PDB file of N, CA and C in Angstrom:
ATOM      1  N   MET A   1      52.954 -95.624  97.964  1.00  0.00           N
ATOM      2  CA  MET A   1      53.404 -94.828  97.088  1.00  0.00           C
ATOM      3  C   MET A   1      54.682 -95.978  95.922  1.00  0.00           C
ATOM      4  N   ASN A   2      54.464 -96.408  95.138  1.00  0.00           N
ATOM      5  CA  ASN A   2      55.719 -97.095  94.556  1.00  0.00           C
ATOM      6  C   ASN A   2      55.955 -96.761  93.489  1.00  0.00           C
ATOM      7  N   THR A   3      55.025 -95.914  92.361  1.00  0.00           N
ATOM      8  CA  THR A   3      55.286 -95.070  91.066  1.00  0.00           C
ATOM      9  C   THR A   3      54.554 -94.067  90.920  1.00  0.00           C
ATOM     10  N   VAL A   4      55.452 -93.215  90.303  1.00  0.00           N
ATOM     11  CA  VAL A   4      54.948 -91.501  90.092  1.00  0.00           C
ATOM     12  C   VAL A   4      53.968 -92.216  88.278  1.00  0.00           C
ATOM     13  N   GLU A   5      52.321 -91.463  88.296  1.00  0.00           N
ATOM     14  CA  GLU A   5      52.345 -91.932  87.230  1.00  0.00           C
ATOM     15  C   GLU A   5      51.984 -90.163  86.778  1.00  0.00           C
ATOM     16  N   GLN A   6      51.992 -89.746  87.365  1.00  0.00           N
ATOM     17  CA  GLN A   6      51.790 -87.832  86.713  1.00  0.00           C
ATOM     18  C   GLN A   6      52.267 -86.989  87.823  1.00  0.00           C
ATOM     19  N   ILE A   7      52.521 -86.137  87.238  1.00  0.00           N
ATOM     20  CA  ILE A   7      52.959 -84.834  88.014  1.00  0.00           C
ATOM     21  C   ILE A   7      52.542 -83.468  87.483  1.00  0.00           C
ATOM     22  N   LYS A   8      51.576 -82.744  88.121  1.00  0.00           N
ATOM     23  CA  LYS A   8      50.828 -81.729  87.322  1.00  0.00           C
ATOM     24  C   LYS A   8      50.942 -80.629  88.288  1.00  0.00           C
ATOM     25  N   LEU A   9      51.285 -79.784  87.755  1.00  0.00           N
ATOM     26  CA  LEU A   9      51.333 -78.483  88.503  1.00  0.00           C
ATOM     27  C   LEU A   9      49.926 -77.250  88.060  1.00  0.00           C
ATOM     28  N   SER A  10      50.015 -76.932  89.243  1.00  0.00           N
ATOM     29  CA  SER A  10      48.452 -76.243  89.444  1.00  0.00           C
ATOM     30  C   SER A  10      49.393 -74.473  89.878  1.00  0.00           C
ATOM     31  N   LYS A  11      48.490 -73.694  89.944  1.00  0.00           N
ATOM     32  CA  LYS A  11      48.972 -72.353  90.453  1.00  0.00           C
ATOM     33  C   LYS A  11      49.919 -72.646  91.460  1.00  0.00           C
ATOM     34  N   ASN A  12      49.528 -73.214  92.582  1.00  0.00           N
ATOM     35  CA  ASN A  12      50.427 -73.162  93.629  1.00  0.00           C
ATOM     36  C   ASN A  12      50.918 -74.315  94.113  1.00  0.00           C
ATOM     37  N   ASP A  13      50.377 -75.269  93.598  1.00  0.00           N
ATOM     38  CA  ASP A  13      50.411 -76.744  93.818  1.00  0.00           C
ATOM     39  C   ASP A  13      51.489 -77.615  92.911  1.00  0.00           C
ATOM     40  N   PHE A  14      52.618 -78.462  93.834  1.00  0.00           N
ATOM     41  CA  PHE A  14      53.233 -79.759  92.446  1.00  0.00           C
ATOM     42  C   PHE A  14      52.363 -80.706  93.095  1.00  0.00           C
ATOM     43  N   ILE A  15      51.268 -81.586  92.271  1.00  0.00           N
ATOM     44  CA  ILE A  15      50.882 -82.567  92.397  1.00  0.00           C
ATOM     45  C   ILE A  15      51.376 -83.811  92.002  1.00  0.00           C
ATOM     46  N   VAL A  16      51.706 -84.661  92.840  1.00  0.00           N
ATOM     47  CA  VAL A  16      52.300 -86.172  92.435  1.00  0.00           C
ATOM     48  C   VAL A  16      51.119 -86.750  92.456  1.00  0.00           C
ATOM     49  N   LYS A  17      50.808 -87.315  91.567  1.00  0.00           N
ATOM     50  CA  LYS A  17      49.774 -88.670  91.404  1.00  0.00           C
ATOM     51  C   LYS A  17      50.430 -90.102  91.382  1.00  0.00           C
ATOM     52  N   CYS A  18      50.276 -90.783  92.330  1.00  0.00           N
ATOM     53  CA  CYS A  18      50.877 -91.829  92.410  1.00  0.00           C
ATOM     54  C   CYS A  18      49.545 -93.403  91.949  1.00  0.00           C
ATOM     55  N   ASN A  19      50.221 -94.569  92.089  1.00  0.00           N
ATOM     56  CA  ASN A  19      49.031 -95.529  91.642  1.00  0.00           C
ATOM     57  C   ASN A  19      48.245 -95.727  92.402  1.00  0.00           C
ATOM     58  N   ASN A  20      48.381 -95.231  93.665  1.00  0.00           N
ATOM     59  CA  ASN A  20      46.987 -95.669  94.739  1.00  0.00           C
ATOM     60  C   ASN A  20      46.908 -94.617  95.423  1.00  0.00           C
ATOM     61  N   SER A  21      47.604 -92.850  95.222  1.00  0.00           N
ATOM     62  CA  SER A  21      47.461 -91.849  96.177  1.00  0.00           C
ATOM     63  C   SER A  21      47.601 -90.629  95.364  1.00  0.00           C
ATOM     64  N   SER A  22      47.796 -89.181  95.704  1.00  0.00           N
ATOM     65  CA  SER A  22      47.796 -88.299  95.641  1.00  0.00           C
ATOM     66  C   SER A  22      48.822 -87.357  96.396  1.00  0.00           C
ATOM     67  N   LEU A  23      49.760 -86.499  96.020  1.00  0.00           N
ATOM     68  CA  LEU A  23      49.971 -85.749  97.161  1.00  0.00           C
ATOM     69  C   LEU A  23      50.563 -84.121  96.087  1.00  0.00           C
ATOM     70  N   LYS A  24      50.151 -83.198  97.166  1.00  0.00           N
ATOM     71  CA  LYS A  24      50.578 -81.787  96.933  1.00  0.00           C
ATOM     72  C   LYS A  24      51.266 -81.104  98.022  1.00  0.00           C
ATOM     73  N   PHE A  25      52.397 -80.872  97.175  1.00  0.00           N
ATOM     74  CA  PHE A  25      53.469 -79.760  97.739  1.00  0.00           C
ATOM     75  C   PHE A  25      53.351 -78.151  97.011  1.00  0.00           C
ATOM     76  N   LYS A  26      53.441 -77.401  98.135  1.00  0.00           N
ATOM     77  CA  LYS A  26      53.724 -75.868  97.383  1.00  0.00           C
ATOM     78  C   LYS A  26      55.361 -76.163  96.887  1.00  0.00           C
ATOM     79  N   TYR A  27      54.787 -74.957  96.078  1.00  0.00           N
ATOM     80  CA  TYR A  27      56.238 -74.560  95.053  1.00  0.00           C
ATOM     81  C   TYR A  27      56.105 -73.262  94.460  1.00  0.00           C
ATOM     82  N   VAL A  28      57.080 -73.317  93.953  1.00  0.00           N
ATOM     83  CA  VAL A  28      57.568 -71.499  93.252  1.00  0.00           C
ATOM     84  C   VAL A  28      58.107 -72.046  91.913  1.00  0.00           C
ATOM     85  N   ALA A  29      58.045 -71.218  90.670  1.00  0.00           N
ATOM     86  CA  ALA A  29      58.517 -71.687  89.800  1.00  0.00           C
ATOM     87  C   ALA A  29      59.610 -70.330  89.458  1.00  0.00           C
ATOM     88  N   GLN A  30      60.758 -70.291  89.129  1.00  0.00           N
ATOM     89  CA  GLN A  30      61.569 -69.503  88.555  1.00  0.00           C
ATOM     90  C   GLN A  30      62.346 -69.960  87.301  1.00  0.00           C
ATOM     91  N   ASP A  31      63.393 -68.875  87.104  1.00  0.00           N
ATOM     92  CA  ASP A  31      63.255 -69.462  85.548  1.00  0.00           C
ATOM     93  C   ASP A  31      63.848 -70.224  85.121  1.00  0.00           C
ATOM     94  N   GLU A  32      64.563 -71.044  85.873  1.00  0.00           N
ATOM     95  CA  GLU A  32      65.403 -72.357  85.825  1.00  0.00           C
ATOM     96  C   GLU A  32      64.860 -74.038  86.079  1.00  0.00           C
ATOM     97  N   LYS A  33      64.192 -73.205  87.385  1.00  0.00           N
ATOM     98  CA  LYS A  33      63.709 -74.410  88.523  1.00  0.00           C
ATOM     99  C   LYS A  33      62.090 -74.100  88.984  1.00  0.00           C
ATOM    100  N   TYR A  34      61.931 -75.069  89.519  1.00  0.00           N
ATOM    101  CA  TYR A  34      60.761 -75.364  90.475  1.00  0.00           C
ATOM    102  C   TYR A  34      61.057 -75.524  91.643  1.00  0.00           C
ATOM    103  N   ILE A  35      61.017 -74.656  92.735  1.00  0.00           N
ATOM    104  CA  ILE A  35      61.230 -75.099  94.104  1.00  0.00           C
ATOM    105  C   ILE A  35      60.202 -75.497  95.168  1.00  0.00           C
ATOM    106  N   VAL A  36      60.289 -76.718  95.147  1.00  0.00           N
ATOM    107  CA  VAL A  36      59.007 -77.254  95.740  1.00  0.00           C
ATOM    108  C   VAL A  36      59.623 -77.900  97.571  1.00  0.00           C
ATOM    109  N   ASP A  37      58.605 -77.558  98.521  1.00  0.00           N
ATOM    110  CA  ASP A  37      58.524 -77.606  99.559  1.00  0.00           C
ATOM    111  C   ASP A  37      58.186 -78.954 100.067  1.00  0.00           C
ATOM    112  N   ILE A  38      59.320 -79.868 100.566  1.00  0.00           N
ATOM    113  CA  ILE A  38      59.318 -81.096 101.332  1.00  0.00           C
ATOM    114  C   ILE A  38      59.443 -80.821 102.386  1.00  0.00           C
ATOM    115  N   SER A  39      59.650 -79.792 103.226  1.00  0.00           N
ATOM    116  CA  SER A  39      60.550 -79.602 104.872  1.00  0.00           C
ATOM    117  C   SER A  39      59.779 -80.427 105.621  1.00  0.00           C
ATOM    118  N   ASN A  40      58.696 -80.715 105.563  1.00  0.00           N
ATOM    119  CA  ASN A  40      57.534 -81.215 106.596  1.00  0.00           C
ATOM    120  C   ASN A  40      57.862 -82.350 106.290  1.00  0.00           C
ATOM    121  N   MET A  41      58.483 -83.270 105.670  1.00  0.00           N
ATOM    122  CA  MET A  41      58.729 -84.677 105.602  1.00  0.00           C
ATOM    123  C   MET A  41      59.985 -85.243 106.305  1.00  0.00           C
ATOM    124  N   ASN A  42      59.913 -86.362 106.933  1.00  0.00           N
ATOM    125  CA  ASN A  42      60.848 -87.157 107.544  1.00  0.00           C
ATOM    126  C   ASN A  42      62.405 -87.302 106.237  1.00  0.00           C
ATOM    127  N   LEU A  43      63.587 -87.903 106.633  1.00  0.00           N
ATOM    128  CA  LEU A  43      64.191 -88.431 105.922  1.00  0.00           C
ATOM    129  C   LEU A  43      63.486 -89.472 105.119  1.00  0.00           C
ATOM    130  N   ILE A  44      63.118 -90.729 105.480  1.00  0.00           N
ATOM    131  CA  ILE A  44      62.563 -91.495 104.701  1.00  0.00           C
ATOM    132  C   ILE A  44      61.638 -90.949 103.414  1.00  0.00           C
ATOM    133  N   ASN A  45      60.730 -90.493 103.816  1.00  0.00           N
ATOM    134  CA  ASN A  45      59.625 -90.101 102.928  1.00  0.00           C
ATOM    135  C   ASN A  45      60.211 -89.020 101.700  1.00  0.00           C
ATOM    136  N   ALA A  46      60.975 -87.784 102.504  1.00  0.00           N
ATOM    137  CA  ALA A  46      61.555 -86.972 101.765  1.00  0.00           C
ATOM    138  C   ALA A  46      62.603 -87.168 100.425  1.00  0.00           C
ATOM    139  N   THR A  47      63.301 -88.099 100.935  1.00  0.00           N
ATOM    140  CA  THR A  47      64.224 -89.464  99.903  1.00  0.00           C
ATOM    141  C   THR A  47      63.399 -89.661  99.017  1.00  0.00           C
ATOM    142  N   LYS A  48      62.436 -90.463  99.023  1.00  0.00           N
ATOM    143  CA  LYS A  48      61.426 -91.319  98.630  1.00  0.00           C
ATOM    144  C   LYS A  48      60.973 -90.568  97.712  1.00  0.00           C
ATOM    145  N   ILE A  49      60.166 -89.540  97.900  1.00  0.00           N
ATOM    146  CA  ILE A  49      59.447 -88.438  96.896  1.00  0.00           C
ATOM    147  C   ILE A  49      60.219 -87.886  95.854  1.00  0.00           C
ATOM    148  N   ALA A  50      61.402 -87.612  96.656  1.00  0.00           N
ATOM    149  CA  ALA A  50      62.235 -86.858  95.789  1.00  0.00           C
ATOM    150  C   ALA A  50      62.932 -87.110  94.613  1.00  0.00           C
ATOM    151  N   ILE A  51      63.216 -88.574  94.776  1.00  0.00           N
ATOM    152  CA  ILE A  51      64.300 -89.599  93.995  1.00  0.00           C
ATOM    153  C   ILE A  51      63.069 -90.047  92.977  1.00  0.00           C
ATOM    154  N   LEU A  52      61.716 -90.764  93.672  1.00  0.00           N
ATOM    155  CA  LEU A  52      60.780 -90.836  92.207  1.00  0.00           C
ATOM    156  C   LEU A  52      60.582 -90.001  91.425  1.00  0.00           C
ATOM    157  N   CYS A  53      60.149 -88.714  92.090  1.00  0.00           N
ATOM    158  CA  CYS A  53      59.597 -87.704  91.349  1.00  0.00           C
ATOM    159  C   CYS A  53      60.877 -86.845  90.325  1.00  0.00           C
ATOM    160  N   SER A  54      62.156 -86.769  90.696  1.00  0.00           N
ATOM    161  CA  SER A  54      63.007 -86.189  90.064  1.00  0.00           C
ATOM    162  C   SER A  54      63.464 -87.691  88.609  1.00  0.00           C
ATOM    163  N   THR A  55      63.067 -88.371  89.292  1.00  0.00           N
ATOM    164  CA  THR A  55      63.699 -89.593  88.088  1.00  0.00           C
ATOM    165  C   THR A  55      62.104 -89.765  87.135  1.00  0.00           C
ATOM    166  N   TYR A  56      61.028 -89.411  87.266  1.00  0.00           N
ATOM    167  CA  TYR A  56      59.854 -88.972  86.631  1.00  0.00           C
ATOM    168  C   TYR A  56      59.882 -87.876  85.586  1.00  0.00           C
ATOM    169  N   CYS A  57      60.340 -86.921  86.360  1.00  0.00           N
ATOM    170  CA  CYS A  57      60.746 -85.625  85.755  1.00  0.00           C
ATOM    171  C   CYS A  57      62.232 -86.109  84.609  1.00  0.00           C
ATOM    172  N   PHE A  58      63.034 -86.620  84.923  1.00  0.00           N
ATOM    173  CA  PHE A  58      64.231 -86.628  83.686  1.00  0.00           C
ATOM    174  C   PHE A  58      63.814 -87.588  82.907  1.00  0.00           C
ATOM    175  N   ILE A  59      63.090 -88.539  82.949  1.00  0.00           N
ATOM    176  CA  ILE A  59      62.266 -89.273  81.879  1.00  0.00           C
ATOM    177  C   ILE A  59      61.484 -88.966  80.403  1.00  0.00           C
ATOM    178  N   ASN A  60      60.724 -88.057  81.014  1.00  0.00           N
ATOM    179  CA  ASN A  60      59.492 -87.244  80.574  1.00  0.00           C
ATOM    180  C   ASN A  60      60.364 -86.015  80.519  1.00  0.00           C
ATOM    181  N   ASP A  61      61.301 -85.437  80.407  1.00  0.00           N
ATOM    182  CA  ASP A  61      61.944 -84.656  79.604  1.00  0.00           C
ATOM    183  C   ASP A  61      61.463 -83.217  80.070  1.00  0.00           C
ATOM    184  N   PHE A  62      61.136 -83.062  81.698  1.00  0.00           N
ATOM    185  CA  PHE A  62      60.984 -81.686  82.148  1.00  0.00           C
ATOM    186  C   PHE A  62      62.375 -80.715  81.695  1.00  0.00           C
ATOM    187  N   LYS A  63      61.346 -79.319  81.638  1.00  0.00           N
ATOM    188  CA  LYS A  63      62.186 -78.736  80.909  1.00  0.00           C
ATOM    189  C   LYS A  63      63.509 -77.904  82.253  1.00  0.00           C
ATOM    190  N   LYS A  64      62.366 -77.716  83.368  1.00  0.00           N
ATOM    191  CA  LYS A  64      63.283 -77.448  84.610  1.00  0.00           C
ATOM    192  C   LYS A  64      63.881 -78.119  85.364  1.00  0.00           C
ATOM    193  N   LYS A  65      64.923 -77.398  85.858  1.00  0.00           N
ATOM    194  CA  LYS A  65      65.017 -78.451  87.524  1.00  0.00           C
ATOM    195  C   LYS A  65      64.225 -78.734  88.508  1.00  0.00           C
ATOM    196  N   ILE A  66      64.688 -79.135  89.415  1.00  0.00           N
ATOM    197  CA  ILE A  66      63.652 -79.498  90.789  1.00  0.00           C
ATOM    198  C   ILE A  66      64.708 -78.918  92.092  1.00  0.00           C
ATOM    199  N   CYS A  67      64.056 -78.255  92.198  1.00  0.00           N
ATOM    200  CA  CYS A  67      64.499 -77.819  93.898  1.00  0.00           C
ATOM    201  C   CYS A  67      64.253 -78.126  94.878  1.00  0.00           C
ATOM    202  N   TRP A  68      64.364 -79.201  95.740  1.00  0.00           N
ATOM    203  CA  TRP A  68      63.858 -79.434  96.602  1.00  0.00           C
ATOM    204  C   TRP A  68      64.454 -78.785  98.228  1.00  0.00           C
ATOM    205  N   LEU A  69      63.114 -78.023  98.697  1.00  0.00           N
ATOM    206  CA  LEU A  69      63.358 -77.436 100.134  1.00  0.00           C
ATOM    207  C   LEU A  69      63.392 -78.610 101.213  1.00  0.00           C
ATOM    208  N   VAL A  70      64.080 -78.775 101.608  1.00  0.00           N
ATOM    209  CA  VAL A  70      64.129 -80.074 103.068  1.00  0.00           C
ATOM    210  C   VAL A  70      64.331 -79.369 104.373  1.00  0.00           C
ATOM    211  N   ALA A  71      64.161 -80.472 105.321  1.00  0.00           N
ATOM    212  CA  ALA A  71      64.069 -79.647 106.052  1.00  0.00           C
ATOM    213  C   ALA A  71      65.408 -79.578 107.230  1.00  0.00           C
ATOM    214  N   ASP A  72      66.749 -80.343 106.623  1.00  0.00           N
ATOM    215  CA  ASP A  72      67.473 -80.891 107.459  1.00  0.00           C
ATOM    216  C   ASP A  72      68.557 -81.398 106.628  1.00  0.00           C
ATOM    217  N   GLU A  73      70.150 -81.019 107.074  1.00  0.00           N
ATOM    218  CA  GLU A  73      71.040 -81.626 105.918  1.00  0.00           C
ATOM    219  C   GLU A  73      71.143 -83.061 105.627  1.00  0.00           C
ATOM    220  N   GLU A  74      70.649 -83.641 106.556  1.00  0.00           N
ATOM    221  CA  GLU A  74      71.015 -85.575 106.494  1.00  0.00           C
ATOM    222  C   GLU A  74      70.100 -85.172 105.345  1.00  0.00           C
ATOM    223  N   ILE A  75      68.595 -85.136 104.969  1.00  0.00           N
ATOM    224  CA  ILE A  75      68.103 -85.452 103.974  1.00  0.00           C
ATOM    225  C   ILE A  75      68.343 -84.772 102.605  1.00  0.00           C
ATOM    226  N   LYS A  76      69.014 -83.844 102.852  1.00  0.00           N
ATOM    227  CA  LYS A  76      69.857 -83.055 101.436  1.00  0.00           C
ATOM    228  C   LYS A  76      71.230 -84.238 101.449  1.00  0.00           C
ATOM    229  N   LYS A  77      71.819 -84.206 102.296  1.00  0.00           N
ATOM    230  CA  LYS A  77      72.707 -85.068 101.722  1.00  0.00           C
ATOM    231  C   LYS A  77      72.024 -86.686 101.016  1.00  0.00           C
ATOM    232  N   ALA A  78      71.318 -87.257 101.911  1.00  0.00           N
ATOM    233  CA  ALA A  78      70.349 -88.336 101.240  1.00  0.00           C
ATOM    234  C   ALA A  78      69.577 -87.971  99.870  1.00  0.00           C
ATOM    235  N   ILE A  79      69.413 -86.873  98.939  1.00  0.00           N
ATOM    236  CA  ILE A  79      68.962 -86.961  98.067  1.00  0.00           C
ATOM    237  C   ILE A  79      69.863 -86.863  97.278  1.00  0.00           C
ATOM    238  N   ASN A  80      71.443 -85.902  97.413  1.00  0.00           N
ATOM    239  CA  ASN A  80      72.187 -85.543  96.808  1.00  0.00           C
ATOM    240  C   ASN A  80      73.428 -86.712  96.224  1.00  0.00           C
ATOM    241  N   ILE A  81      72.842 -87.735  97.167  1.00  0.00           N
ATOM    242  CA  ILE A  81      74.117 -88.658  96.585  1.00  0.00           C
ATOM    243  C   ILE A  81      73.646 -89.633  95.695  1.00  0.00           C
ATOM    244  N   LEU A  82      72.713 -89.334  95.170  1.00  0.00           N
ATOM    245  CA  LEU A  82      72.139 -90.183  93.404  1.00  0.00           C
ATOM    246  C   LEU A  82      73.007 -89.297  92.614  1.00  0.00           C
ATOM    247  N   ARG A  83      73.260 -87.948  92.956  1.00  0.00           N
ATOM    248  CA  ARG A  83      73.814 -87.183  91.732  1.00  0.00           C
ATOM    249  C   ARG A  83      73.073 -86.698  90.725  1.00  0.00           C
ATOM    250  N   LEU A  84      71.728 -86.982  90.605  1.00  0.00           N
ATOM    251  CA  LEU A  84      70.913 -86.914  89.428  1.00  0.00           C
ATOM    252  C   LEU A  84      71.328 -85.234  89.205  1.00  0.00           C
ATOM    253  N   LYS A  85      71.170 -85.416  87.928  1.00  0.00           N
ATOM    254  CA  LYS A  85      71.315 -83.895  87.235  1.00  0.00           C
ATOM    255  C   LYS A  85      70.050 -83.166  87.053  1.00  0.00           C
ATOM    256  N   ASN A  86      68.996 -83.363  87.071  1.00  0.00           N
ATOM    257  CA  ASN A  86      68.071 -82.985  87.455  1.00  0.00           C
ATOM    258  C   ASN A  86      67.324 -81.877  88.592  1.00  0.00           C
ATOM    259  N   ILE A  87      67.941 -82.070  89.355  1.00  0.00           N
ATOM    260  CA  ILE A  87      67.800 -81.725  90.871  1.00  0.00           C
ATOM    261  C   ILE A  87      68.726 -81.090  91.805  1.00  0.00           C
ATOM    262  N   GLU A  88      68.539 -80.279  92.509  1.00  0.00           N
ATOM    263  CA  GLU A  88      68.904 -79.555  93.293  1.00  0.00           C
ATOM    264  C   GLU A  88      68.357 -79.767  94.817  1.00  0.00           C
ATOM    265  N   SER A  89      69.007 -79.264  96.274  1.00  0.00           N
ATOM    266  CA  SER A  89      68.272 -79.558  97.524  1.00  0.00           C
ATOM    267  C   SER A  89      68.710 -78.397  98.110  1.00  0.00           C
ATOM    268  N   VAL A  90      67.883 -77.496  99.426  1.00  0.00           N
ATOM    269  CA  VAL A  90      68.295 -76.912  99.976  1.00  0.00           C
ATOM    270  C   VAL A  90      67.393 -77.040 101.267  1.00  0.00           C
ATOM    271  N   VAL A  91      68.380 -76.870 102.223  1.00  0.00           N
ATOM    272  CA  VAL A  91      68.002 -76.748 103.821  1.00  0.00           C
ATOM    273  C   VAL A  91      67.132 -75.649 103.826  1.00  0.00           C
ATOM    274  N   TYR A  92      66.078 -75.796 104.405  1.00  0.00           N
ATOM    275  CA  TYR A  92      65.091 -74.722 104.998  1.00  0.00           C
ATOM    276  C   TYR A  92      65.517 -74.260 106.094  1.00  0.00           C
ATOM    277  N   ASN A  93      65.199 -72.793 105.969  1.00  0.00           N
ATOM    278  CA  ASN A  93      65.989 -72.039 107.019  1.00  0.00           C
ATOM    279  C   ASN A  93      64.837 -70.829 108.083  1.00  0.00           C
ATOM    280  N   ALA A  94      64.957 -71.568 109.196  1.00  0.00           N
ATOM    281  CA  ALA A  94      63.537 -71.195 109.972  1.00  0.00           C
ATOM    282  C   ALA A  94      63.162 -69.370 109.913  1.00  0.00           C
ATOM    283  N   ASN A  95      64.509 -68.962 109.873  1.00  0.00           N
ATOM    284  CA  ASN A  95      64.418 -67.495 109.682  1.00  0.00           C
ATOM    285  C   ASN A  95      64.121 -67.092 108.380  1.00  0.00           C
ATOM    286  N   THR A  96      63.675 -67.530 107.655  1.00  0.00           N
ATOM    287  CA  THR A  96      63.205 -66.704 106.056  1.00  0.00           C
ATOM    288  C   THR A  96      61.999 -67.363 105.797  1.00  0.00           C
ATOM    289  N   ASN A  97      61.508 -66.635 105.133  1.00  0.00           N
ATOM    290  CA  ASN A  97      60.254 -67.446 103.924  1.00  0.00           C
ATOM    291  C   ASN A  97      60.595 -68.720 103.469  1.00  0.00           C
ATOM    292  N   ARG A  98      59.802 -69.664 103.335  1.00  0.00           N
ATOM    293  CA  ARG A  98      60.245 -71.192 103.061  1.00  0.00           C
ATOM    294  C   ARG A  98      59.796 -71.097 101.394  1.00  0.00           C
ATOM    295  N   MET A  99      59.321 -70.093 101.117  1.00  0.00           N
ATOM    296  CA  MET A  99      59.297 -69.637  99.369  1.00  0.00           C
ATOM    297  C   MET A  99      60.106 -68.560  98.952  1.00  0.00           C
ATOM    298  N   ALA A 100      60.836 -67.897  99.707  1.00  0.00           N
ATOM    299  CA  ALA A 100      61.483 -66.710  99.406  1.00  0.00           C
ATOM    300  C   ALA A 100      62.859 -66.921  99.464  1.00  0.00           C
ATOM    301  N   VAL A 101      63.071 -68.444  99.334  1.00  0.00           N
ATOM    302  CA  VAL A 101      64.748 -68.821  99.269  1.00  0.00           C
ATOM    303  C   VAL A 101      65.612 -68.390  98.214  1.00  0.00           C
ATOM    304  N   ALA A 102      66.355 -67.363  98.543  1.00  0.00           N
ATOM    305  CA  ALA A 102      67.500 -66.861  97.730  1.00  0.00           C
ATOM    306  C   ALA A 102      68.854 -68.315  96.758  1.00  0.00           C
ATOM    307  N   LEU A 103      68.128 -67.839  95.775  1.00  0.00           N
ATOM    308  CA  LEU A 103      69.352 -69.483  95.294  1.00  0.00           C
ATOM    309  C   LEU A 103      70.684 -68.994  94.516  1.00  0.00           C
TER     310      LEU A 103
END
């Protein structure tokens, strides 16, 4: 996956279409943001997808922020180091429902 060609939202899926593949992630829409679950991805893949998608959304003037639900603090730090204004990241807590994250 080198470039994001399109991002589509279905009822339950955040679909990322790339030049040679397509990825689906579960998401929840809230008033000001989309919470997208990438907590099953490792550090490299989660950082890559978050940065590519967030950049695509910024360039294409998405109205809502993207909140990435990640597996651990290291992934959160790797994503946040770029300080993109249209994203947030939250560490998934195993004691709560993935999509019922209170932010």
